[in-house]
């Protein structure tokens, strides 16, 4: 799994003109990609890592600050651009594999005490955010333990 985590002062996700998830005040926007190799254990591990990352003002975590997260599924995070001009999506998990892992990731964040706002899996979404002194990390489950996979 791969997550792009951005510190924000506010964020929202809109589907068909309707806001389906949002927060005001400091929190994280998490764009979450699931690969064909990902497992439930990785979803749990990645959620725990992100819940405890000291990314917010004053070097505190989501859990420490009681801050929210807006989680949006983003299959394009596994786009491969090494050949040609059109990205390949062969490493991105299909919906039937990705959605349960996306849901498990959010459930784990919530069980850590994080208020989770969310997009709609598979929908055409518009995401808006106000970066807070831009701070963005890419967190990859492959790098959390053990040697890097292929």
Protein backbone atom coordinates (compact mmCIF):
# COMPACT_ATOMS: atom_id res chain seq x y z
CA UNK A 1 0.00 0.00 0.00
CA UNK A 2 1.11 3.50 -0.69
CA UNK A 3 -0.14 6.64 1.04
CA UNK A 4 0.54 10.25 0.18
CA UNK A 5 -0.03 12.16 3.41
CA UNK A 6 -0.42 15.94 3.34
CA UNK A 7 -0.81 18.22 6.34
CA UNK A 8 -3.78 20.51 5.74
CA UNK A 9 -5.76 23.23 7.51
CA UNK A 10 -8.95 22.13 5.78
CA UNK A 11 -9.98 19.58 3.19
CA UNK A 12 -13.02 18.20 1.44
CA UNK A 13 -14.00 15.62 -1.14
CA UNK A 14 -16.96 16.15 -3.43
CA UNK A 15 -18.88 13.60 -5.53
CA UNK A 16 -21.48 14.81 -8.03
CA UNK A 17 -21.42 18.30 -6.49
CA UNK A 18 -22.06 17.02 -2.95
CA UNK A 19 -19.46 17.16 -0.15
CA UNK A 20 -19.12 13.60 1.17
CA UNK A 21 -16.21 14.15 3.57
CA UNK A 22 -14.46 17.17 5.03
CA UNK A 23 -12.64 18.68 7.96
CA UNK A 24 -11.74 22.15 9.23
CA UNK A 25 -8.67 22.73 11.38
CA UNK A 26 -5.41 20.86 11.15
CA UNK A 27 -5.45 17.27 9.92
CA UNK A 28 -4.10 15.00 7.21
CA UNK A 29 -5.29 14.29 3.70
CA UNK A 30 -4.34 10.70 2.87
CA UNK A 31 -4.41 9.52 -0.73
CA UNK A 32 -4.31 5.72 -0.48
CA UNK A 33 -3.27 3.34 -3.24
CA UNK A 34 -3.53 -0.44 -3.05
CA UNK A 35 -1.30 -2.72 -5.12
CA UNK A 36 -1.96 -6.26 -6.32
CA UNK A 37 0.52 -7.54 -3.71
CA UNK A 38 -1.02 -5.88 -0.65
CA UNK A 39 -2.49 -7.72 2.33
CA UNK A 40 -4.75 -6.98 5.27
CA UNK A 41 -1.71 -7.06 7.57
CA UNK A 42 -0.16 -4.25 5.52
CA UNK A 43 -3.34 -2.18 5.83
CA UNK A 44 -3.20 -2.55 9.61
CA UNK A 45 0.51 -1.76 9.78
CA UNK A 46 0.27 1.28 7.49
CA UNK A 47 -2.68 2.73 9.42
CA UNK A 48 -0.80 2.37 12.71
CA UNK A 49 2.28 4.03 11.24
CA UNK A 50 0.35 6.99 9.84
CA UNK A 51 -1.76 7.45 12.99
CA UNK A 52 1.47 7.88 14.95
CA UNK A 53 3.49 9.97 12.47
CA UNK A 54 4.45 13.33 13.95
CA UNK A 55 3.41 15.41 10.93
CA UNK A 56 1.22 18.03 12.56
CA UNK A 57 2.23 21.40 13.98
CA UNK A 58 4.42 20.98 17.05
CA UNK A 59 5.58 17.56 15.81
CA UNK A 60 2.49 15.74 17.05
CA UNK A 61 0.57 12.89 15.45
CA UNK A 62 -3.08 12.55 14.49
CA UNK A 63 -3.62 10.53 17.67
CA UNK A 64 -1.77 12.99 19.93
CA UNK A 65 -3.62 16.00 18.51
CA UNK A 66 -7.03 14.34 18.19
CA UNK A 67 -6.91 15.53 14.59
CA UNK A 68 -8.94 14.22 11.64
CA UNK A 69 -7.88 12.51 8.44
CA UNK A 70 -9.57 12.62 5.05
CA UNK A 71 -8.85 9.33 3.25
CA UNK A 72 -9.33 9.10 -0.51
CA UNK A 73 -8.73 5.98 -2.61
CA UNK A 74 -6.18 6.66 -5.36
CA UNK A 75 -5.35 3.73 -7.65
CA UNK A 76 -3.12 5.99 -9.76
CA UNK A 77 -0.44 5.91 -7.05
CA UNK A 78 0.72 2.63 -8.60
CA UNK A 79 0.88 3.98 -12.14
CA UNK A 80 4.00 2.82 -14.00
CA UNK A 81 5.42 5.44 -16.38
CA UNK A 82 8.66 3.71 -17.37
CA UNK A 83 7.50 2.89 -20.91
CA UNK A 84 5.86 5.19 -23.40
CA UNK A 85 3.60 8.09 -22.55
CA UNK A 86 0.58 6.24 -21.17
CA UNK A 87 0.78 4.98 -17.57
CA UNK A 88 0.29 1.29 -16.93
CA UNK A 89 -1.98 0.27 -14.04
CA UNK A 90 -0.92 -3.40 -13.79
CA UNK A 91 0.37 -2.96 -10.20
CA UNK A 92 -2.87 -1.27 -9.04
CA UNK A 93 -5.31 -3.64 -7.35
CA UNK A 94 -8.74 -4.00 -8.93
CA UNK A 95 -11.73 -2.74 -6.96
CA UNK A 96 -12.76 -6.10 -5.51
CA UNK A 97 -9.31 -6.48 -3.92
CA UNK A 98 -8.63 -2.82 -3.14
CA UNK A 99 -11.89 -1.77 -1.49
CA UNK A 100 -11.73 -4.18 1.48
CA UNK A 101 -8.13 -3.11 2.16
CA UNK A 102 -9.09 0.59 1.87
CA UNK A 103 -11.94 -0.02 4.33
CA UNK A 104 -9.67 -1.94 6.72
CA UNK A 105 -7.11 0.87 6.63
CA UNK A 106 -9.78 3.39 7.65
CA UNK A 107 -11.18 1.09 10.35
CA UNK A 108 -7.70 0.78 11.84
CA UNK A 109 -7.24 4.56 11.86
CA UNK A 110 -10.61 4.90 13.60
CA UNK A 111 -9.69 2.27 16.18
CA UNK A 112 -6.63 4.41 17.00
CA UNK A 113 -8.96 7.27 17.86
CA UNK A 114 -8.63 9.19 14.59
CA UNK A 115 -11.79 10.80 13.18
CA UNK A 116 -11.86 9.56 9.60
CA UNK A 117 -13.60 11.41 6.79
CA UNK A 118 -13.67 9.60 3.48
CA UNK A 119 -14.26 9.72 -0.20
CA UNK A 120 -16.48 7.28 -2.09
CA UNK A 121 -14.52 4.29 -3.34
CA UNK A 122 -14.45 4.15 -7.14
CA UNK A 123 -16.33 7.43 -7.63
CA UNK A 124 -15.21 10.43 -9.66
CA UNK A 125 -14.09 12.68 -6.81
CA UNK A 126 -12.91 16.26 -6.55
CA UNK A 127 -10.52 16.79 -3.65
CA UNK A 128 -9.82 20.22 -2.23
CA UNK A 129 -7.34 21.09 0.48
CA UNK A 130 -5.47 23.98 1.99
CA UNK A 131 -1.93 22.90 2.70
CA UNK A 132 -0.54 23.91 6.05
CA UNK A 133 3.07 24.99 5.60
CA UNK A 134 3.37 22.27 2.98
CA UNK A 135 4.39 19.00 4.55
CA UNK A 136 3.91 15.87 2.44
CA UNK A 137 5.19 12.34 3.02
CA UNK A 138 4.90 9.23 0.90
CA UNK A 139 4.55 6.19 3.14
CA UNK A 140 4.87 2.80 1.47
CA UNK A 141 4.02 -0.41 3.31
CA UNK A 142 6.91 -2.12 1.49
CA UNK A 143 9.30 0.08 3.43
CA UNK A 144 7.83 -0.45 6.90
CA UNK A 145 9.41 -3.83 7.54
CA UNK A 146 11.73 -6.23 5.88
CA UNK A 147 13.43 -6.01 2.52
CA UNK A 148 11.85 -4.14 -0.35
CA UNK A 149 9.67 -6.21 -2.73
CA UNK A 150 10.11 -6.28 -6.50
